[in-house]
């Protein structure tokens, strides 16, 4: 805290290194929120930051963006971009669903998920 205002350490690291307050989100490249080394930080949109997030604890497939769809009995791939969920399709093979998500992540976020 500075003068009673709480600041996130990674945003302060950006300010001290570059001399400007970050106007965008700051993404931790390695997904480790305590690794605030400047080499691990990059400016990102909210969507890009979310795209680089860890797999949810509720994920049961073990693969980001892929879940089992009970009604179709197939693997479903989906991606969230700008807070909107986009269905990528249903697949018999989990690897095909994974490939669909990774391709979409590369297009939308510029990262390999």
N, C-alpha and C. Protein backbone atom coordinates (compact mmCIF):
# COMPACT_ATOMS: atom_id res chain seq x y z
N UNK A 1 0.84 -1.18 0.00
CA UNK A 1 0.00 0.00 0.00
C UNK A 1 0.88 1.25 0.00
N UNK A 2 0.45 2.22 -0.74
CA UNK A 2 1.11 3.51 -0.76
C UNK A 2 0.04 4.56 -0.50
N UNK A 3 0.21 5.31 0.56
CA UNK A 3 -0.78 6.32 0.96
C UNK A 3 -2.18 5.73 1.05
N UNK A 4 -2.27 4.53 1.56
CA UNK A 4 -3.56 3.89 1.76
C UNK A 4 -4.18 3.28 0.51
N UNK A 5 -3.45 3.30 -0.60
CA UNK A 5 -3.96 2.73 -1.85
C UNK A 5 -3.19 1.45 -2.15
N UNK A 6 -3.92 0.38 -2.46
CA UNK A 6 -3.33 -0.92 -2.75
C UNK A 6 -2.95 -0.99 -4.23
N UNK A 7 -1.70 -1.32 -4.52
CA UNK A 7 -1.22 -1.47 -5.89
C UNK A 7 -0.69 -2.88 -6.07
N UNK A 8 -0.95 -3.46 -7.22
CA UNK A 8 -0.43 -4.79 -7.53
C UNK A 8 1.05 -4.69 -7.87
N UNK A 9 1.84 -5.63 -7.34
CA UNK A 9 3.29 -5.60 -7.49
C UNK A 9 3.73 -5.61 -8.95
N UNK A 10 3.06 -6.39 -9.79
CA UNK A 10 3.49 -6.46 -11.19
C UNK A 10 3.25 -5.14 -11.92
N UNK A 11 2.23 -4.39 -11.52
CA UNK A 11 1.99 -3.09 -12.14
C UNK A 11 3.04 -2.08 -11.69
N UNK A 12 3.45 -2.16 -10.42
CA UNK A 12 4.52 -1.29 -9.93
C UNK A 12 5.85 -1.64 -10.60
N UNK A 13 6.11 -2.93 -10.81
CA UNK A 13 7.34 -3.33 -11.49
C UNK A 13 7.39 -2.73 -12.89
N UNK A 14 6.25 -2.73 -13.57
CA UNK A 14 6.18 -2.14 -14.92
C UNK A 14 6.46 -0.64 -14.85
N UNK A 15 5.85 0.05 -13.89
CA UNK A 15 6.05 1.49 -13.73
C UNK A 15 7.52 1.81 -13.45
N UNK A 16 8.14 1.09 -12.54
CA UNK A 16 9.53 1.38 -12.17
C UNK A 16 10.49 1.08 -13.32
N UNK A 17 10.17 0.07 -14.14
CA UNK A 17 11.05 -0.31 -15.24
C UNK A 17 10.90 0.62 -16.45
N UNK A 18 9.65 0.90 -16.82
CA UNK A 18 9.40 1.66 -18.05
C UNK A 18 9.04 3.12 -17.83
N UNK A 19 8.76 3.49 -16.59
CA UNK A 19 8.46 4.89 -16.29
C UNK A 19 7.06 5.35 -16.63
N UNK A 20 6.20 4.43 -17.01
CA UNK A 20 4.80 4.77 -17.32
C UNK A 20 3.88 3.75 -16.64
N UNK A 21 2.73 4.23 -16.23
CA UNK A 21 1.74 3.33 -15.65
C UNK A 21 1.13 2.51 -16.78
N UNK A 22 1.03 1.20 -16.64
CA UNK A 22 0.48 0.37 -17.72
C UNK A 22 -1.00 0.68 -17.95
N UNK A 23 -1.35 0.94 -19.20
CA UNK A 23 -2.74 1.25 -19.55
C UNK A 23 -3.54 0.00 -19.88
N UNK A 24 -2.84 -1.10 -20.11
CA UNK A 24 -3.49 -2.37 -20.41
C UNK A 24 -3.28 -3.31 -19.24
N UNK A 25 -3.80 -4.53 -19.36
CA UNK A 25 -3.52 -5.55 -18.37
C UNK A 25 -2.06 -5.95 -18.46
N UNK A 26 -1.52 -6.48 -17.38
CA UNK A 26 -0.18 -7.05 -17.37
C UNK A 26 -0.34 -8.56 -17.24
N UNK A 27 0.23 -9.29 -18.19
CA UNK A 27 0.13 -10.74 -18.22
C UNK A 27 1.43 -11.34 -17.72
N UNK A 28 1.32 -12.35 -16.86
CA UNK A 28 2.49 -13.13 -16.43
C UNK A 28 2.68 -14.24 -17.46
N UNK A 29 3.73 -14.17 -18.23
CA UNK A 29 3.95 -15.09 -19.33
C UNK A 29 3.97 -16.54 -18.87
N UNK A 30 4.62 -16.81 -17.73
CA UNK A 30 4.71 -18.19 -17.24
C UNK A 30 3.52 -18.61 -16.36
N UNK A 31 2.53 -17.76 -16.28
CA UNK A 31 1.29 -18.01 -15.52
C UNK A 31 1.50 -18.06 -14.01
N UNK A 32 2.67 -17.65 -13.54
CA UNK A 32 2.97 -17.64 -12.10
C UNK A 32 2.76 -16.23 -11.57
N UNK A 33 1.69 -16.00 -10.81
CA UNK A 33 1.36 -14.63 -10.39
C UNK A 33 2.36 -14.01 -9.42
N UNK A 34 3.26 -14.78 -8.84
CA UNK A 34 4.26 -14.19 -7.94
C UNK A 34 5.59 -13.95 -8.64
N UNK A 35 5.73 -14.37 -9.88
CA UNK A 35 6.94 -14.14 -10.65
C UNK A 35 6.81 -12.79 -11.34
N UNK A 36 7.24 -11.73 -10.66
CA UNK A 36 7.08 -10.38 -11.19
C UNK A 36 8.36 -9.83 -11.83
N UNK A 37 9.26 -10.74 -12.27
CA UNK A 37 10.43 -10.28 -13.02
C UNK A 37 9.95 -9.64 -14.31
N UNK A 38 10.57 -8.56 -14.71
CA UNK A 38 10.11 -7.81 -15.88
C UNK A 38 10.14 -8.67 -17.15
N UNK A 39 11.06 -9.62 -17.23
CA UNK A 39 11.12 -10.52 -18.40
C UNK A 39 9.91 -11.43 -18.47
N UNK A 40 9.19 -11.58 -17.36
CA UNK A 40 8.01 -12.43 -17.31
C UNK A 40 6.72 -11.64 -17.49
N UNK A 41 6.81 -10.34 -17.66
CA UNK A 41 5.61 -9.50 -17.77
C UNK A 41 5.47 -8.95 -19.18
N UNK A 42 4.23 -8.83 -19.63
CA UNK A 42 3.97 -8.22 -20.93
C UNK A 42 2.62 -7.53 -20.89
N UNK A 43 2.46 -6.49 -21.68
CA UNK A 43 1.17 -5.85 -21.81
C UNK A 43 0.24 -6.77 -22.59
N UNK A 44 -1.02 -6.82 -22.18
CA UNK A 44 -1.98 -7.69 -22.85
C UNK A 44 -3.38 -7.12 -22.71
N UNK A 45 -4.22 -7.46 -23.64
CA UNK A 45 -5.63 -7.12 -23.49
C UNK A 45 -6.22 -8.06 -22.43
N UNK A 46 -7.40 -7.74 -21.97
CA UNK A 46 -8.07 -8.60 -21.00
C UNK A 46 -8.27 -10.00 -21.58
N UNK A 47 -8.61 -10.06 -22.86
CA UNK A 47 -8.84 -11.34 -23.52
C UNK A 47 -7.54 -12.14 -23.63
N UNK A 48 -6.45 -11.49 -23.99
CA UNK A 48 -5.16 -12.18 -24.08
C UNK A 48 -4.72 -12.68 -22.71
N UNK A 49 -4.92 -11.87 -21.69
CA UNK A 49 -4.56 -12.25 -20.34
C UNK A 49 -5.36 -13.49 -19.91
N UNK A 50 -6.65 -13.49 -20.21
CA UNK A 50 -7.48 -14.65 -19.89
C UNK A 50 -7.10 -15.88 -20.68
N UNK A 51 -6.67 -15.67 -21.92
CA UNK A 51 -6.25 -16.78 -22.75
C UNK A 51 -4.99 -17.46 -22.24
N UNK A 52 -4.21 -16.74 -21.47
CA UNK A 52 -2.98 -17.30 -20.92
C UNK A 52 -3.18 -17.79 -19.48
N UNK A 53 -4.41 -17.86 -19.04
CA UNK A 53 -4.70 -18.29 -17.67
C UNK A 53 -4.47 -19.80 -17.51
N UNK A 54 -4.33 -20.20 -16.27
CA UNK A 54 -4.18 -21.63 -15.97
C UNK A 54 -5.48 -22.37 -16.26
N UNK A 55 -5.39 -23.68 -16.32
CA UNK A 55 -6.57 -24.52 -16.46
C UNK A 55 -7.40 -24.38 -15.19
N UNK A 56 -8.68 -24.24 -15.34
CA UNK A 56 -9.58 -24.11 -14.20
C UNK A 56 -9.53 -25.36 -13.31
N UNK A 57 -9.67 -25.16 -12.02
CA UNK A 57 -9.71 -26.28 -11.08
C UNK A 57 -10.91 -27.17 -11.35
N UNK A 58 -11.94 -26.63 -12.00
CA UNK A 58 -13.15 -27.41 -12.32
C UNK A 58 -12.99 -28.23 -13.60
N UNK A 59 -11.91 -28.03 -14.32
CA UNK A 59 -11.69 -28.75 -15.57
C UNK A 59 -11.47 -30.23 -15.28
N UNK A 60 -12.25 -31.09 -15.94
CA UNK A 60 -12.15 -32.53 -15.71
C UNK A 60 -11.44 -33.26 -16.85
N UNK A 61 -11.24 -32.59 -17.99
CA UNK A 61 -10.57 -33.25 -19.10
C UNK A 61 -9.05 -33.16 -18.98
N UNK A 62 -8.58 -32.17 -18.24
CA UNK A 62 -7.14 -31.95 -18.13
C UNK A 62 -6.58 -31.13 -19.27
N UNK A 63 -7.44 -30.70 -20.20
CA UNK A 63 -7.02 -29.92 -21.35
C UNK A 63 -7.84 -28.64 -21.40
N UNK A 64 -7.16 -27.52 -21.46
CA UNK A 64 -7.83 -26.24 -21.48
C UNK A 64 -8.73 -26.11 -22.71
N UNK A 65 -9.96 -25.66 -22.49
CA UNK A 65 -10.90 -25.43 -23.58
C UNK A 65 -11.62 -26.67 -24.07
N UNK A 66 -11.43 -27.80 -23.39
CA UNK A 66 -12.04 -29.06 -23.82
C UNK A 66 -12.82 -29.67 -22.66
N UNK A 67 -14.05 -30.10 -22.97
CA UNK A 67 -14.86 -30.78 -21.95
C UNK A 67 -15.68 -31.88 -22.62
N UNK A 68 -16.17 -32.79 -21.81
CA UNK A 68 -17.02 -33.88 -22.29
C UNK A 68 -18.45 -33.38 -22.35
N UNK A 69 -19.11 -33.54 -23.49
CA UNK A 69 -20.50 -33.13 -23.66
C UNK A 69 -21.38 -34.36 -23.53
N UNK A 70 -22.13 -34.44 -22.45
CA UNK A 70 -22.90 -35.65 -22.14
C UNK A 70 -23.96 -35.97 -23.20
N UNK A 71 -24.66 -34.95 -23.69
CA UNK A 71 -25.75 -35.21 -24.63
C UNK A 71 -25.27 -35.81 -25.95
N UNK A 72 -24.16 -35.30 -26.46
CA UNK A 72 -23.65 -35.80 -27.74
C UNK A 72 -22.66 -36.94 -27.57
N UNK A 73 -22.20 -37.13 -26.31
CA UNK A 73 -21.17 -38.13 -26.02
C UNK A 73 -19.92 -37.91 -26.87
N UNK A 74 -19.55 -36.63 -26.95
CA UNK A 74 -18.36 -36.23 -27.70
C UNK A 74 -17.61 -35.18 -26.90
N UNK A 75 -16.36 -34.97 -27.30
CA UNK A 75 -15.56 -33.91 -26.70
C UNK A 75 -15.92 -32.59 -27.35
N UNK A 76 -16.13 -31.57 -26.53
CA UNK A 76 -16.48 -30.25 -27.03
C UNK A 76 -15.30 -29.30 -26.81
N UNK A 77 -14.96 -28.55 -27.85
CA UNK A 77 -13.91 -27.53 -27.73
C UNK A 77 -14.60 -26.17 -27.77
N UNK A 78 -14.14 -25.28 -26.89
CA UNK A 78 -14.69 -23.93 -26.85
C UNK A 78 -13.61 -22.97 -26.37
N UNK A 79 -13.79 -21.71 -26.73
CA UNK A 79 -12.81 -20.69 -26.33
C UNK A 79 -13.57 -19.42 -25.97
N UNK A 80 -13.06 -18.69 -25.00
CA UNK A 80 -13.67 -17.42 -24.61
C UNK A 80 -12.78 -16.29 -25.10
N UNK A 81 -13.38 -15.40 -25.90
CA UNK A 81 -12.69 -14.26 -26.46
C UNK A 81 -13.51 -13.02 -26.15
N UNK A 82 -12.89 -12.03 -25.53
CA UNK A 82 -13.59 -10.81 -25.14
C UNK A 82 -14.87 -11.10 -24.36
N UNK A 83 -14.73 -12.02 -23.42
CA UNK A 83 -15.80 -12.44 -22.51
C UNK A 83 -16.97 -13.12 -23.21
N UNK A 84 -16.77 -13.56 -24.44
CA UNK A 84 -17.81 -14.30 -25.17
C UNK A 84 -17.30 -15.70 -25.46
N UNK A 85 -18.16 -16.66 -25.19
CA UNK A 85 -17.81 -18.06 -25.40
C UNK A 85 -18.10 -18.45 -26.85
N UNK A 86 -17.13 -19.08 -27.50
CA UNK A 86 -17.29 -19.52 -28.89
C UNK A 86 -17.11 -21.03 -28.96
N UNK A 87 -18.12 -21.73 -29.45
CA UNK A 87 -18.03 -23.18 -29.63
C UNK A 87 -17.16 -23.46 -30.85
N UNK A 88 -16.25 -24.40 -30.70
CA UNK A 88 -15.35 -24.76 -31.80
C UNK A 88 -15.73 -26.09 -32.44
N UNK A 89 -16.67 -26.80 -31.82
CA UNK A 89 -17.15 -28.04 -32.40
C UNK A 89 -17.12 -29.20 -31.43
N UNK A 90 -17.67 -30.32 -31.89
CA UNK A 90 -17.70 -31.57 -31.13
C UNK A 90 -16.82 -32.58 -31.85
N UNK A 91 -16.10 -33.37 -31.06
CA UNK A 91 -15.11 -34.27 -31.64
C UNK A 91 -15.18 -35.65 -30.98
N UNK A 92 -14.98 -36.69 -31.77
CA UNK A 92 -14.92 -38.04 -31.23
C UNK A 92 -13.63 -38.25 -30.45
N UNK A 93 -12.57 -37.58 -30.88
CA UNK A 93 -11.24 -37.76 -30.29
C UNK A 93 -10.86 -36.53 -29.48
N UNK A 94 -10.40 -36.73 -28.25
CA UNK A 94 -10.00 -35.62 -27.38
C UNK A 94 -8.83 -34.84 -27.98
N UNK A 95 -7.94 -35.51 -28.70
CA UNK A 95 -6.80 -34.84 -29.31
C UNK A 95 -7.23 -33.87 -30.41
N UNK A 96 -8.28 -34.22 -31.14
CA UNK A 96 -8.81 -33.33 -32.17
C UNK A 96 -9.44 -32.09 -31.53
N UNK A 97 -10.13 -32.27 -30.42
CA UNK A 97 -10.72 -31.14 -29.70
C UNK A 97 -9.61 -30.24 -29.16
N UNK A 98 -8.57 -30.84 -28.65
CA UNK A 98 -7.42 -30.10 -28.14
C UNK A 98 -6.77 -29.29 -29.27
N UNK A 99 -6.61 -29.89 -30.42
CA UNK A 99 -6.00 -29.21 -31.57
C UNK A 99 -6.86 -28.02 -32.01
N UNK A 100 -8.18 -28.19 -31.97
CA UNK A 100 -9.08 -27.09 -32.35
C UNK A 100 -8.93 -25.92 -31.39
N UNK A 101 -8.85 -26.21 -30.09
CA UNK A 101 -8.68 -25.14 -29.11
C UNK A 101 -7.33 -24.45 -29.30
N UNK A 102 -6.27 -25.22 -29.48
CA UNK A 102 -4.94 -24.63 -29.63
C UNK A 102 -4.85 -23.75 -30.87
N UNK A 103 -5.47 -24.16 -31.95
CA UNK A 103 -5.46 -23.35 -33.17
C UNK A 103 -6.21 -22.04 -32.94
N UNK A 104 -7.34 -22.11 -32.26
CA UNK A 104 -8.11 -20.90 -31.98
C UNK A 104 -7.36 -19.99 -31.01
N UNK A 105 -6.68 -20.56 -30.02
CA UNK A 105 -5.90 -19.76 -29.08
C UNK A 105 -4.77 -19.04 -29.79
N UNK A 106 -4.14 -19.71 -30.74
CA UNK A 106 -3.06 -19.08 -31.50
C UNK A 106 -3.60 -17.89 -32.30
N UNK A 107 -4.76 -18.06 -32.91
CA UNK A 107 -5.36 -16.99 -33.70
C UNK A 107 -5.77 -15.80 -32.83
N UNK A 108 -6.44 -16.09 -31.71
CA UNK A 108 -7.01 -15.03 -30.89
C UNK A 108 -6.04 -14.42 -29.90
N UNK A 109 -5.14 -15.22 -29.35
CA UNK A 109 -4.28 -14.73 -28.28
C UNK A 109 -2.81 -14.70 -28.66
N UNK A 110 -2.45 -15.36 -29.77
CA UNK A 110 -1.07 -15.39 -30.17
C UNK A 110 -0.19 -16.26 -29.29
N UNK A 111 -0.82 -17.20 -28.59
CA UNK A 111 -0.08 -18.10 -27.72
C UNK A 111 -0.47 -19.53 -27.99
N UNK A 112 0.44 -20.41 -27.68
CA UNK A 112 0.12 -21.84 -27.73
C UNK A 112 -0.41 -22.22 -26.37
N UNK A 113 -1.64 -22.69 -26.33
CA UNK A 113 -2.27 -23.01 -25.04
C UNK A 113 -1.88 -24.38 -24.56
